[in-house]
Structures are given as C-alpha cells and as structure tokens.
Protein backbone atom coordinates (compact mmCIF):
# COMPACT_ATOMS: atom_id res chain seq x y z
CA UNK A 1 -72.85 -15.32 61.62
CA UNK A 2 -76.31 -14.34 60.44
CA UNK A 3 -75.11 -10.76 59.97
CA UNK A 4 -73.04 -11.90 56.98
CA UNK A 5 -76.21 -12.76 55.07
CA UNK A 6 -76.73 -9.08 54.47
CA UNK A 7 -73.21 -8.43 53.13
CA UNK A 8 -72.51 -8.31 49.43
CA UNK A 9 -70.21 -10.91 47.93
CA UNK A 10 -67.57 -8.24 47.32
CA UNK A 11 -67.77 -7.08 50.94
CA UNK A 12 -67.22 -10.64 52.10
CA UNK A 13 -64.26 -10.99 49.72
CA UNK A 14 -62.80 -7.76 51.10
CA UNK A 15 -63.29 -8.96 54.67
CA UNK A 16 -61.54 -12.23 53.84
CA UNK A 17 -58.63 -10.38 52.23
CA UNK A 18 -58.34 -8.03 55.21
CA UNK A 19 -58.51 -10.95 57.63
CA UNK A 20 -55.85 -12.91 55.74
CA UNK A 21 -53.62 -9.84 55.58
CA UNK A 22 -54.03 -9.23 59.31
CA UNK A 23 -53.32 -12.89 60.03
CA UNK A 24 -50.08 -12.74 58.01
CA UNK A 25 -49.03 -9.60 59.86
CA UNK A 26 -49.79 -11.27 63.19
CA UNK A 27 -47.79 -14.35 62.20
CA UNK A 28 -44.85 -12.17 61.17
CA UNK A 29 -44.98 -10.32 64.48
CA UNK A 30 -45.15 -13.59 66.40
CA UNK A 31 -42.13 -14.88 64.48
CA UNK A 32 -40.20 -11.66 65.22
CA UNK A 33 -41.00 -11.89 68.93
CA UNK A 34 -40.04 -15.55 69.15
CA UNK A 35 -36.73 -14.85 67.42
CA UNK A 36 -36.06 -11.91 69.74
CA UNK A 37 -36.80 -14.10 72.78
CA UNK A 38 -34.44 -16.77 71.48
CA UNK A 39 -31.70 -14.17 71.04
CA UNK A 40 -32.21 -13.03 74.64
CA UNK A 41 -32.03 -16.62 75.87
CA UNK A 42 -28.88 -17.27 73.85
CA UNK A 43 -27.24 -14.15 75.29
CA UNK A 44 -28.18 -15.31 78.78
CA UNK A 45 -26.72 -18.74 78.07
CA UNK A 46 -23.50 -17.18 76.77
CA UNK A 47 -23.21 -15.08 79.92
CA UNK A 48 -23.85 -18.14 82.07
CA UNK A 49 -21.24 -20.17 80.21
CA UNK A 50 -18.68 -17.37 80.56
CA UNK A 51 -19.39 -17.20 84.27
CA UNK A 52 -19.11 -20.97 84.63
CA UNK A 53 -15.83 -20.94 82.69
CA UNK A 54 -14.47 -18.22 84.99
CA UNK A 55 -15.57 -20.20 88.07
CA UNK A 56 -13.96 -23.37 86.77
CA UNK A 57 -10.73 -21.50 86.05
CA UNK A 58 -10.76 -20.09 89.60
CA UNK A 59 -11.28 -23.56 91.07
CA UNK A 60 -8.40 -24.96 89.01
CA UNK A 61 -6.12 -22.15 90.14
CA UNK A 62 -7.12 -22.72 93.75
CA UNK A 63 -6.49 -26.47 93.50
CA UNK A 64 -3.10 -25.82 91.88
CA UNK A 65 -2.31 -23.47 94.76
CA UNK A 66 -3.31 -26.14 97.32
CA UNK A 67 -1.18 -28.78 95.59
CA UNK A 68 1.78 -26.41 95.53
CA UNK A 69 1.33 -25.55 99.21
CA UNK A 70 1.05 -29.24 100.07
CA UNK A 71 4.26 -30.00 98.18
CA UNK A 72 6.08 -27.16 99.94
CA UNK A 73 4.95 -28.53 103.29
CA UNK A 74 6.52 -31.94 102.74
C-alpha cells in the first residue's frame, strides 16, 4: 500500500476506474458462466425426465402384457 503514496491523485482515480471496469466485466462473465451452467443442467434434467418417462411407459406396457397373459391363462 505504501507504493500508492507516490501516485498522483489522477493516477489513483484512473486505477480505481480501471479496477471498477474490470470488476464489472468479471461480474458479467461470472453471470454468463452461471447461466450457461444452469442451461446445461436444465438440458440434463430434461433428458433424464424423458428417459424416466420412457422407462415408466415401458413398465406400464410390460405390466399390461402380464395382466393380459394372466387373463388368457385363466
């Protein structure tokens, strides 16, 4: 911190402006990455739900087949 003693007031102002600008850019990038990650997770969830729906449909069809076979056997 002692190095700042030798900086002019305008230099310090410029450093603050640059730092704030960089911070805003970093925040924007973080926001973009978080949103992209959420989109990936949502896509994964959609795929999982589609797979679960397909599995449930297959189980229902199999149970209907078993019931029908049972009824035929009586």
